């Protein structure tokens, strides 16, 4: 998944504040610009970012709608997992109560 890598998550977080060039995105990392470009390619292929041409610059833009769709998808599964954990907690509590009444 595109956001499995911490560098790509940091790039997306930076782009949430506005477009940036590869050089600007590479600044905080101790990796080559080529490596940052590869991370951007992964984000592009996933549909999370796009690149445009602005004279000599090629800024990278976050596709906020794509990120919203991804967030909604993740939230659905997170809510399902939380519901399952609450049911498990209730079952374990009931088992502990039952075990305590047998003693």
PDB file of N, CA and C in Angstrom:
ATOM      1  N   UNK A   1       0.844  -1.178   0.000  1.00  0.00           N
ATOM      2  CA  UNK A   1       0.000   0.000   0.000  1.00  0.00           C
ATOM      3  C   UNK A   1       0.892   1.245   0.000  1.00  0.00           C
ATOM      4  N   UNK A   2       0.395   2.256  -0.643  1.00  0.00           N
ATOM      5  CA  UNK A   2       1.187   3.474  -0.831  1.00  0.00           C
ATOM      6  C   UNK A   2       1.567   4.142   0.480  1.00  0.00           C
ATOM      7  N   UNK A   3       0.712   4.070   1.489  1.00  0.00           N
ATOM      8  CA  UNK A   3       0.995   4.769   2.745  1.00  0.00           C
ATOM      9  C   UNK A   3       1.658   3.878   3.787  1.00  0.00           C
ATOM     10  N   UNK A   4       2.109   2.702   3.386  1.00  0.00           N
ATOM     11  CA  UNK A   4       2.773   1.803   4.321  1.00  0.00           C
ATOM     12  C   UNK A   4       4.162   2.317   4.705  1.00  0.00           C
ATOM     13  N   UNK A   5       4.757   3.120   3.870  1.00  0.00           N
ATOM     14  CA  UNK A   5       6.111   3.621   4.105  1.00  0.00           C
ATOM     15  C   UNK A   5       6.069   4.965   4.838  1.00  0.00           C
ATOM     16  N   UNK A   6       6.888   5.130   5.890  1.00  0.00           N
ATOM     17  CA  UNK A   6       6.871   6.383   6.650  1.00  0.00           C
ATOM     18  C   UNK A   6       7.301   7.604   5.831  1.00  0.00           C
ATOM     19  N   UNK A   7       8.172   7.418   4.854  1.00  0.00           N
ATOM     20  CA  UNK A   7       8.589   8.544   4.009  1.00  0.00           C
ATOM     21  C   UNK A   7       7.397   9.021   3.186  1.00  0.00           C
ATOM     22  N   UNK A   8       6.637   8.078   2.619  1.00  0.00           N
ATOM     23  CA  UNK A   8       5.473   8.472   1.821  1.00  0.00           C
ATOM     24  C   UNK A   8       4.407   9.131   2.691  1.00  0.00           C
ATOM     25  N   UNK A   9       4.226   8.636   3.918  1.00  0.00           N
ATOM     26  CA  UNK A   9       3.268   9.289   4.819  1.00  0.00           C
ATOM     27  C   UNK A   9       3.713  10.714   5.124  1.00  0.00           C
ATOM     28  N   UNK A  10       5.004  10.921   5.322  1.00  0.00           N
ATOM     29  CA  UNK A  10       5.523  12.268   5.589  1.00  0.00           C
ATOM     30  C   UNK A  10       5.355  13.167   4.364  1.00  0.00           C
ATOM     31  N   UNK A  11       5.543  12.623   3.185  1.00  0.00           N
ATOM     32  CA  UNK A  11       5.346  13.401   1.956  1.00  0.00           C
ATOM     33  C   UNK A  11       3.883  13.831   1.838  1.00  0.00           C
ATOM     34  N   UNK A  12       2.973  12.911   2.086  1.00  0.00           N
ATOM     35  CA  UNK A  12       1.547  13.250   2.030  1.00  0.00           C
ATOM     36  C   UNK A  12       1.211  14.313   3.074  1.00  0.00           C
ATOM     37  N   UNK A  13       1.764  14.169   4.282  1.00  0.00           N
ATOM     38  CA  UNK A  13       1.517  15.163   5.327  1.00  0.00           C
ATOM     39  C   UNK A  13       2.024  16.535   4.882  1.00  0.00           C
ATOM     40  N   UNK A  14       3.208  16.578   4.272  1.00  0.00           N
ATOM     41  CA  UNK A  14       3.753  17.852   3.787  1.00  0.00           C
ATOM     42  C   UNK A  14       2.875  18.433   2.681  1.00  0.00           C
ATOM     43  N   UNK A  15       2.426  17.577   1.759  1.00  0.00           N
ATOM     44  CA  UNK A  15       1.603  18.054   0.650  1.00  0.00           C
ATOM     45  C   UNK A  15       0.218  18.505   1.107  1.00  0.00           C
ATOM     46  N   UNK A  16      -0.197  18.085   2.278  1.00  0.00           N
ATOM     47  CA  UNK A  16      -1.495  18.537   2.791  1.00  0.00           C
ATOM     48  C   UNK A  16      -1.465  20.037   3.092  1.00  0.00           C
ATOM     49  N   UNK A  17      -0.269  20.606   3.202  1.00  0.00           N
ATOM     50  CA  UNK A  17      -0.115  22.054   3.431  1.00  0.00           C
ATOM     51  C   UNK A  17       0.012  22.829   2.128  1.00  0.00           C
ATOM     52  N   UNK A  18       0.142  22.115   1.000  1.00  0.00           N
ATOM     53  CA  UNK A  18       0.253  22.777  -0.290  1.00  0.00           C
ATOM     54  C   UNK A  18       1.240  22.068  -1.198  1.00  0.00           C
ATOM     55  N   UNK A  19       1.224  22.406  -2.492  1.00  0.00           N
ATOM     56  CA  UNK A  19       2.123  21.766  -3.459  1.00  0.00           C
ATOM     57  C   UNK A  19       3.589  22.020  -3.127  1.00  0.00           C
ATOM     58  N   UNK A  20       4.445  21.130  -3.594  1.00  0.00           N
ATOM     59  CA  UNK A  20       5.890  21.265  -3.376  1.00  0.00           C
ATOM     60  C   UNK A  20       6.633  20.564  -4.505  1.00  0.00           C
ATOM     61  N   UNK A  21       7.854  20.992  -4.736  1.00  0.00           N
ATOM     62  CA  UNK A  21       8.709  20.339  -5.728  1.00  0.00           C
ATOM     63  C   UNK A  21       9.401  19.143  -5.088  1.00  0.00           C
ATOM     64  N   UNK A  22       9.999  18.311  -5.925  1.00  0.00           N
ATOM     65  CA  UNK A  22      10.754  17.164  -5.409  1.00  0.00           C
ATOM     66  C   UNK A  22      11.867  17.649  -4.482  1.00  0.00           C
ATOM     67  N   UNK A  23      12.564  18.726  -4.876  1.00  0.00           N
ATOM     68  CA  UNK A  23      13.632  19.250  -4.022  1.00  0.00           C
ATOM     69  C   UNK A  23      13.102  19.659  -2.657  1.00  0.00           C
ATOM     70  N   UNK A  24      11.964  20.331  -2.646  1.00  0.00           N
ATOM     71  CA  UNK A  24      11.374  20.754  -1.374  1.00  0.00           C
ATOM     72  C   UNK A  24      10.947  19.550  -0.541  1.00  0.00           C
ATOM     73  N   UNK A  25      10.399  18.551  -1.199  1.00  0.00           N
ATOM     74  CA  UNK A  25       9.966  17.349  -0.480  1.00  0.00           C
ATOM     75  C   UNK A  25      11.142  16.540   0.044  1.00  0.00           C
ATOM     76  N   UNK A  26      12.283  16.612  -0.647  1.00  0.00           N
ATOM     77  CA  UNK A  26      13.462  15.833  -0.250  1.00  0.00           C
ATOM     78  C   UNK A  26      14.215  16.442   0.926  1.00  0.00           C
ATOM     79  N   UNK A  27      14.034  17.741   1.167  1.00  0.00           N
ATOM     80  CA  UNK A  27      14.826  18.438   2.185  1.00  0.00           C
ATOM     81  C   UNK A  27      14.881  17.754   3.549  1.00  0.00           C
ATOM     82  N   UNK A  28      13.763  17.321   4.139  1.00  0.00           N
ATOM     83  CA  UNK A  28      13.849  16.784   5.504  1.00  0.00           C
ATOM     84  C   UNK A  28      14.391  15.358   5.602  1.00  0.00           C
ATOM     85  N   UNK A  29      14.617  14.708   4.473  1.00  0.00           N
ATOM     86  CA  UNK A  29      15.011  13.299   4.492  1.00  0.00           C
ATOM     87  C   UNK A  29      16.495  13.124   4.195  1.00  0.00           C
ATOM     88  N   UNK A  30      17.057  12.101   4.785  1.00  0.00           N
ATOM     89  CA  UNK A  30      18.454  11.763   4.539  1.00  0.00           C
ATOM     90  C   UNK A  30      18.524  10.679   3.461  1.00  0.00           C
ATOM     91  N   UNK A  31      17.817  10.925   2.350  1.00  0.00           N
ATOM     92  CA  UNK A  31      17.830  10.014   1.205  1.00  0.00           C
ATOM     93  C   UNK A  31      17.999  10.863  -0.051  1.00  0.00           C
ATOM     94  N   UNK A  32      18.320  10.210  -1.147  1.00  0.00           N
ATOM     95  CA  UNK A  32      18.570  10.937  -2.392  1.00  0.00           C
ATOM     96  C   UNK A  32      17.269  11.477  -2.982  1.00  0.00           C
ATOM     97  N   UNK A  33      17.412  12.456  -3.849  1.00  0.00           N
ATOM     98  CA  UNK A  33      16.241  12.995  -4.549  1.00  0.00           C
ATOM     99  C   UNK A  33      15.622  11.924  -5.446  1.00  0.00           C
ATOM    100  N   UNK A  34      16.461  11.037  -5.970  1.00  0.00           N
ATOM    101  CA  UNK A  34      15.958   9.949  -6.797  1.00  0.00           C
ATOM    102  C   UNK A  34      15.052   9.030  -5.969  1.00  0.00           C
ATOM    103  N   UNK A  35      15.439   8.778  -4.728  1.00  0.00           N
ATOM    104  CA  UNK A  35      14.618   7.941  -3.854  1.00  0.00           C
ATOM    105  C   UNK A  35      13.285   8.627  -3.551  1.00  0.00           C
ATOM    106  N   UNK A  36      13.336   9.931  -3.314  1.00  0.00           N
ATOM    107  CA  UNK A  36      12.099  10.689  -3.082  1.00  0.00           C
ATOM    108  C   UNK A  36      11.222  10.633  -4.330  1.00  0.00           C
ATOM    109  N   UNK A  37      11.835  10.757  -5.505  1.00  0.00           N
ATOM    110  CA  UNK A  37      11.074  10.669  -6.759  1.00  0.00           C
ATOM    111  C   UNK A  37      10.381   9.316  -6.892  1.00  0.00           C
ATOM    112  N   UNK A  38      11.057   8.250  -6.489  1.00  0.00           N
ATOM    113  CA  UNK A  38      10.435   6.922  -6.544  1.00  0.00           C
ATOM    114  C   UNK A  38       9.251   6.835  -5.595  1.00  0.00           C
ATOM    115  N   UNK A  39       9.393   7.430  -4.407  1.00  0.00           N
ATOM    116  CA  UNK A  39       8.264   7.456  -3.471  1.00  0.00           C
ATOM    117  C   UNK A  39       7.093   8.227  -4.071  1.00  0.00           C
ATOM    118  N   UNK A  40       7.386   9.331  -4.738  1.00  0.00           N
ATOM    119  CA  UNK A  40       6.339  10.131  -5.368  1.00  0.00           C
ATOM    120  C   UNK A  40       5.665   9.332  -6.481  1.00  0.00           C
ATOM    121  N   UNK A  41       6.449   8.553  -7.230  1.00  0.00           N
ATOM    122  CA  UNK A  41       5.872   7.714  -8.291  1.00  0.00           C
ATOM    123  C   UNK A  41       4.867   6.717  -7.710  1.00  0.00           C
ATOM    124  N   UNK A  42       5.198   6.130  -6.565  1.00  0.00           N
ATOM    125  CA  UNK A  42       4.277   5.190  -5.915  1.00  0.00           C
ATOM    126  C   UNK A  42       2.985   5.910  -5.530  1.00  0.00           C
ATOM    127  N   UNK A  43       3.128   7.114  -4.985  1.00  0.00           N
ATOM    128  CA  UNK A  43       1.951   7.902  -4.602  1.00  0.00           C
ATOM    129  C   UNK A  43       1.135   8.298  -5.833  1.00  0.00           C
ATOM    130  N   UNK A  44       1.826   8.596  -6.942  1.00  0.00           N
ATOM    131  CA  UNK A  44       1.132   8.917  -8.200  1.00  0.00           C
ATOM    132  C   UNK A  44       0.354   7.712  -8.710  1.00  0.00           C
ATOM    133  N   UNK A  45       0.988   6.557  -8.702  1.00  0.00           N
ATOM    134  CA  UNK A  45       0.341   5.340  -9.197  1.00  0.00           C
ATOM    135  C   UNK A  45      -0.881   4.977  -8.350  1.00  0.00           C
ATOM    136  N   UNK A  46      -0.858   5.339  -7.082  1.00  0.00           N
ATOM    137  CA  UNK A  46      -2.001   5.051  -6.216  1.00  0.00           C
ATOM    138  C   UNK A  46      -3.095   6.105  -6.363  1.00  0.00           C
ATOM    139  N   UNK A  47      -2.798   7.190  -7.075  1.00  0.00           N
ATOM    140  CA  UNK A  47      -3.779   8.240  -7.291  1.00  0.00           C
ATOM    141  C   UNK A  47      -3.839   9.277  -6.187  1.00  0.00           C
ATOM    142  N   UNK A  48      -2.892   9.240  -5.256  1.00  0.00           N
ATOM    143  CA  UNK A  48      -2.917  10.192  -4.141  1.00  0.00           C
ATOM    144  C   UNK A  48      -2.290  11.535  -4.482  1.00  0.00           C
ATOM    145  N   UNK A  49      -1.366  11.557  -5.451  1.00  0.00           N
ATOM    146  CA  UNK A  49      -0.734  12.817  -5.843  1.00  0.00           C
ATOM    147  C   UNK A  49      -0.688  12.931  -7.361  1.00  0.00           C
ATOM    148  N   UNK A  50      -0.549  14.167  -7.825  1.00  0.00           N
ATOM    149  CA  UNK A  50      -0.369  14.440  -9.248  1.00  0.00           C
ATOM    150  C   UNK A  50       0.787  15.431  -9.387  1.00  0.00           C
ATOM    151  N   UNK A  51       1.348  15.478 -10.587  1.00  0.00           N
ATOM    152  CA  UNK A  51       2.388  16.465 -10.885  1.00  0.00           C
ATOM    153  C   UNK A  51       1.896  17.355 -12.013  1.00  0.00           C
ATOM    154  N   UNK A  52       2.244  18.619 -11.920  1.00  0.00           N
ATOM    155  CA  UNK A  52       1.924  19.567 -12.989  1.00  0.00           C
ATOM    156  C   UNK A  52       3.201  20.265 -13.401  1.00  0.00           C
ATOM    157  N   UNK A  53       3.114  21.013 -14.498  1.00  0.00           N
ATOM    158  CA  UNK A  53       4.265  21.791 -14.954  1.00  0.00           C
ATOM    159  C   UNK A  53       3.904  23.258 -14.821  1.00  0.00           C
ATOM    160  N   UNK A  54       4.791  23.976 -14.138  1.00  0.00           N
ATOM    161  CA  UNK A  54       4.619  25.421 -13.933  1.00  0.00           C
ATOM    162  C   UNK A  54       5.934  26.074 -14.326  1.00  0.00           C
ATOM    163  N   UNK A  55       6.059  26.420 -15.616  1.00  0.00           N
ATOM    164  CA  UNK A  55       7.317  26.946 -16.174  1.00  0.00           C
ATOM    165  C   UNK A  55       8.412  25.907 -15.940  1.00  0.00           C
ATOM    166  N   UNK A  56       9.430  26.245 -15.153  1.00  0.00           N
ATOM    167  CA  UNK A  56      10.541  25.325 -14.891  1.00  0.00           C
ATOM    168  C   UNK A  56      10.231  24.350 -13.750  1.00  0.00           C
ATOM    169  N   UNK A  57       9.225  24.675 -12.960  1.00  0.00           N
ATOM    170  CA  UNK A  57       8.895  23.841 -11.789  1.00  0.00           C
ATOM    171  C   UNK A  57       7.938  22.715 -12.173  1.00  0.00           C
ATOM    172  N   UNK A  58       8.040  21.617 -11.447  1.00  0.00           N
ATOM    173  CA  UNK A  58       7.094  20.506 -11.597  1.00  0.00           C
ATOM    174  C   UNK A  58       6.538  20.191 -10.222  1.00  0.00           C
ATOM    175  N   UNK A  59       5.629  21.012  -9.718  1.00  0.00           N
ATOM    176  CA  UNK A  59       5.111  20.786  -8.367  1.00  0.00           C
ATOM    177  C   UNK A  59       4.279  19.507  -8.260  1.00  0.00           C
ATOM    178  N   UNK A  60       4.326  18.937  -7.077  1.00  0.00           N
ATOM    179  CA  UNK A  60       3.543  17.745  -6.747  1.00  0.00           C
ATOM    180  C   UNK A  60       2.366  18.224  -5.912  1.00  0.00           C
ATOM    181  N   UNK A  61       1.180  17.729  -6.244  1.00  0.00           N
ATOM    182  CA  UNK A  61      -0.043  18.138  -5.560  1.00  0.00           C
ATOM    183  C   UNK A  61      -0.709  16.922  -4.923  1.00  0.00           C
ATOM    184  N   UNK A  62      -1.236  17.104  -3.746  1.00  0.00           N
ATOM    185  CA  UNK A  62      -2.029  16.069  -3.094  1.00  0.00           C
ATOM    186  C   UNK A  62      -3.433  16.079  -3.680  1.00  0.00           C
ATOM    187  N   UNK A  63      -3.961  14.904  -3.995  1.00  0.00           N
ATOM    188  CA  UNK A  63      -5.356  14.791  -4.433  1.00  0.00           C
ATOM    189  C   UNK A  63      -6.188  14.554  -3.179  1.00  0.00           C
ATOM    190  N   UNK A  64      -6.736  15.642  -2.640  1.00  0.00           N
ATOM    191  CA  UNK A  64      -7.455  15.578  -1.359  1.00  0.00           C
ATOM    192  C   UNK A  64      -8.652  14.645  -1.438  1.00  0.00           C
ATOM    193  N   UNK A  65      -9.333  14.603  -2.572  1.00  0.00           N
ATOM    194  CA  UNK A  65     -10.502  13.722  -2.709  1.00  0.00           C
ATOM    195  C   UNK A  65     -10.098  12.256  -2.603  1.00  0.00           C
ATOM    196  N   UNK A  66      -8.975  11.896  -3.202  1.00  0.00           N
ATOM    197  CA  UNK A  66      -8.493  10.514  -3.120  1.00  0.00           C
ATOM    198  C   UNK A  66      -8.126  10.167  -1.686  1.00  0.00           C
ATOM    199  N   UNK A  67      -7.498  11.109  -0.988  1.00  0.00           N
ATOM    200  CA  UNK A  67      -7.134  10.873   0.414  1.00  0.00           C
ATOM    201  C   UNK A  67      -8.386  10.735   1.277  1.00  0.00           C
ATOM    202  N   UNK A  68      -9.411  11.520   0.998  1.00  0.00           N
ATOM    203  CA  UNK A  68     -10.687  11.414   1.726  1.00  0.00           C
ATOM    204  C   UNK A  68     -11.318  10.041   1.531  1.00  0.00           C
ATOM    205  N   UNK A  69     -11.308   9.551   0.294  1.00  0.00           N
ATOM    206  CA  UNK A  69     -11.865   8.218   0.021  1.00  0.00           C
ATOM    207  C   UNK A  69     -11.091   7.148   0.774  1.00  0.00           C
ATOM    208  N   UNK A  70      -9.763   7.262   0.784  1.00  0.00           N
ATOM    209  CA  UNK A  70      -8.930   6.297   1.503  1.00  0.00           C
ATOM    210  C   UNK A  70      -9.206   6.361   2.997  1.00  0.00           C
ATOM    211  N   UNK A  71      -9.322   7.555   3.535  1.00  0.00           N
ATOM    212  CA  UNK A  71      -9.596   7.727   4.960  1.00  0.00           C
ATOM    213  C   UNK A  71     -10.950   7.122   5.329  1.00  0.00           C
ATOM    214  N   UNK A  72     -11.959   7.332   4.492  1.00  0.00           N
ATOM    215  CA  UNK A  72     -13.286   6.770   4.743  1.00  0.00           C
ATOM    216  C   UNK A  72     -13.234   5.242   4.743  1.00  0.00           C
ATOM    217  N   UNK A  73     -12.474   4.679   3.818  1.00  0.00           N
ATOM    218  CA  UNK A  73     -12.341   3.222   3.734  1.00  0.00           C
ATOM    219  C   UNK A  73     -11.660   2.684   4.995  1.00  0.00           C
ATOM    220  N   UNK A  74     -10.594   3.337   5.416  1.00  0.00           N
ATOM    221  CA  UNK A  74      -9.870   2.919   6.622  1.00  0.00           C
ATOM    222  C   UNK A  74     -10.773   3.040   7.846  1.00  0.00           C
ATOM    223  N   UNK A  75     -11.515   4.134   7.953  1.00  0.00           N
ATOM    224  CA  UNK A  75     -12.405   4.340   9.099  1.00  0.00           C
ATOM    225  C   UNK A  75     -13.456   3.246   9.206  1.00  0.00           C
ATOM    226  N   UNK A  76     -13.983   2.811   8.063  1.00  0.00           N
ATOM    227  CA  UNK A  76     -14.990   1.745   8.091  1.00  0.00           C
ATOM    228  C   UNK A  76     -14.419   0.486   8.742  1.00  0.00           C
ATOM    229  N   UNK A  77     -13.206   0.111   8.363  1.00  0.00           N
ATOM    230  CA  UNK A  77     -12.600  -1.084   8.934  1.00  0.00           C
ATOM    231  C   UNK A  77     -12.174  -0.864  10.385  1.00  0.00           C
ATOM    232  N   UNK A  78     -11.756   0.344  10.715  1.00  0.00           N
ATOM    233  CA  UNK A  78     -11.394   0.652  12.099  1.00  0.00           C
ATOM    234  C   UNK A  78     -12.613   0.524  13.002  1.00  0.00           C
ATOM    235  N   UNK A  79     -13.753   1.039  12.558  1.00  0.00           N
ATOM    236  CA  UNK A  79     -14.984   0.944  13.351  1.00  0.00           C
ATOM    237  C   UNK A  79     -15.422  -0.500  13.520  1.00  0.00           C
ATOM    238  N   UNK A  80     -15.299  -1.297  12.469  1.00  0.00           N
ATOM    239  CA  UNK A  80     -15.618  -2.726  12.578  1.00  0.00           C
ATOM    240  C   UNK A  80     -14.709  -3.412  13.598  1.00  0.00           C
ATOM    241  N   UNK A  81     -13.423  -3.109  13.555  1.00  0.00           N
ATOM    242  CA  UNK A  81     -12.481  -3.716  14.496  1.00  0.00           C
ATOM    243  C   UNK A  81     -12.794  -3.289  15.929  1.00  0.00           C
ATOM    244  N   UNK A  82     -13.092  -2.011  16.129  1.00  0.00           N
ATOM    245  CA  UNK A  82     -13.434  -1.539  17.470  1.00  0.00           C
ATOM    246  C   UNK A  82     -14.687  -2.230  17.993  1.00  0.00           C
ATOM    247  N   UNK A  83     -15.690  -2.415  17.145  1.00  0.00           N
ATOM    248  CA  UNK A  83     -16.924  -3.103  17.540  1.00  0.00           C
ATOM    249  C   UNK A  83     -16.609  -4.542  17.953  1.00  0.00           C
ATOM    250  N   UNK A  84     -15.758  -5.222  17.194  1.00  0.00           N
ATOM    251  CA  UNK A  84     -15.380  -6.599  17.531  1.00  0.00           C
ATOM    252  C   UNK A  84     -14.633  -6.660  18.859  1.00  0.00           C
ATOM    253  N   UNK A  85     -13.736  -5.695  19.122  1.00  0.00           N
ATOM    254  CA  UNK A  85     -13.009  -5.685  20.388  1.00  0.00           C
ATOM    255  C   UNK A  85     -13.941  -5.426  21.564  1.00  0.00           C
ATOM    256  N   UNK A  86     -14.949  -4.566  21.381  1.00  0.00           N
ATOM    257  CA  UNK A  86     -15.913  -4.321  22.463  1.00  0.00           C
ATOM    258  C   UNK A  86     -16.706  -5.588  22.774  1.00  0.00           C
ATOM    259  N   UNK A  87     -17.097  -6.327  21.732  1.00  0.00           N
ATOM    260  CA  UNK A  87     -17.809  -7.593  21.964  1.00  0.00           C
ATOM    261  C   UNK A  87     -16.913  -8.593  22.682  1.00  0.00           C
ATOM    262  N   UNK A  88     -15.645  -8.648  22.295  1.00  0.00           N
ATOM    263  CA  UNK A  88     -14.707  -9.549  22.963  1.00  0.00           C
ATOM    264  C   UNK A  88     -14.521  -9.153  24.418  1.00  0.00           C
ATOM    265  N   UNK A  89     -14.376  -7.846  24.689  1.00  0.00           N
ATOM    266  CA  UNK A  89     -14.252  -7.374  26.072  1.00  0.00           C
ATOM    267  C   UNK A  89     -15.471  -7.777  26.898  1.00  0.00           C
ATOM    268  N   UNK A  90     -16.674  -7.629  26.324  1.00  0.00           N
ATOM    269  CA  UNK A  90     -17.901  -7.996  27.038  1.00  0.00           C
ATOM    270  C   UNK A  90     -17.934  -9.492  27.321  1.00  0.00           C
ATOM    271  N   UNK A  91     -17.530 -10.294  26.351  1.00  0.00           N
ATOM    272  CA  UNK A  91     -17.507 -11.747  26.535  1.00  0.00           C
ATOM    273  C   UNK A  91     -16.522 -12.137  27.630  1.00  0.00           C
ATOM    274  N   UNK A  92     -15.316 -11.548  27.599  1.00  0.00           N
ATOM    275  CA  UNK A  92     -14.317 -11.863  28.621  1.00  0.00           C
ATOM    276  C   UNK A  92     -14.786 -11.424  30.002  1.00  0.00           C
ATOM    277  N   UNK A  93     -15.443 -10.281  30.090  1.00  0.00           N
ATOM    278  CA  UNK A  93     -15.966  -9.809  31.375  1.00  0.00           C
ATOM    279  C   UNK A  93     -17.036 -10.765  31.882  1.00  0.00           C
ATOM    280  N   UNK A  94     -17.903 -11.233  30.986  1.00  0.00           N
ATOM    281  CA  UNK A  94     -18.949 -12.179  31.384  1.00  0.00           C
ATOM    282  C   UNK A  94     -18.332 -13.493  31.847  1.00  0.00           C
ATOM    283  N   UNK A  95     -17.285 -13.944  31.172  1.00  0.00           N
ATOM    284  CA  UNK A  95     -16.622 -15.186  31.578  1.00  0.00           C
ATOM    285  C   UNK A  95     -15.975 -15.022  32.948  1.00  0.00           C
ATOM    286  N   UNK A  96     -15.368 -13.868  33.207  1.00  0.00           N
ATOM    287  CA  UNK A  96     -14.748 -13.622  34.518  1.00  0.00           C
ATOM    288  C   UNK A  96     -15.797 -13.562  35.612  1.00  0.00           C
ATOM    289  N   UNK A  97     -16.941 -12.951  35.327  1.00  0.00           N
ATOM    290  CA  UNK A  97     -18.025 -12.869  36.301  1.00  0.00           C
ATOM    291  C   UNK A  97     -18.559 -14.268  36.594  1.00  0.00           C
ATOM    292  N   UNK A  98     -18.737 -15.059  35.531  1.00  0.00           N
ATOM    293  CA  UNK A  98     -19.225 -16.424  35.687  1.00  0.00           C
ATOM    294  C   UNK A  98     -18.247 -17.271  36.491  1.00  0.00           C
ATOM    295  N   UNK A  99     -16.964 -17.116  36.202  1.00  0.00           N
ATOM    296  CA  UNK A  99     -15.938 -17.887  36.909  1.00  0.00           C
ATOM    297  C   UNK A  99     -15.903 -17.492  38.378  1.00  0.00           C
ATOM    298  N   UNK A 100     -16.070 -16.197  38.658  1.00  0.00           N
ATOM    299  CA  UNK A 100     -16.067 -15.710  40.041  1.00  0.00           C
ATOM    300  C   UNK A 100     -17.253 -16.220  40.833  1.00  0.00           C
ATOM    301  N   UNK A 101     -18.387 -16.412  40.197  1.00  0.00           N
ATOM    302  CA  UNK A 101     -19.586 -16.892  40.911  1.00  0.00           C
ATOM    303  C   UNK A 101     -19.506 -18.388  41.185  1.00  0.00           C
ATOM    304  N   UNK A 102     -18.660 -19.114  40.450  1.00  0.00           N
ATOM    305  CA  UNK A 102     -18.499 -20.562  40.668  1.00  0.00           C
ATOM    306  C   UNK A 102     -17.623 -20.852  41.870  1.00  0.00           C
ATOM    307  N   UNK A 103     -16.805 -19.911  42.269  1.00  0.00           N
ATOM    308  CA  UNK A 103     -15.843 -20.165  43.355  1.00  0.00           C
ATOM    309  C   UNK A 103     -16.441 -19.972  44.691  1.00  0.00           C
TER     310      UNK A 103
END
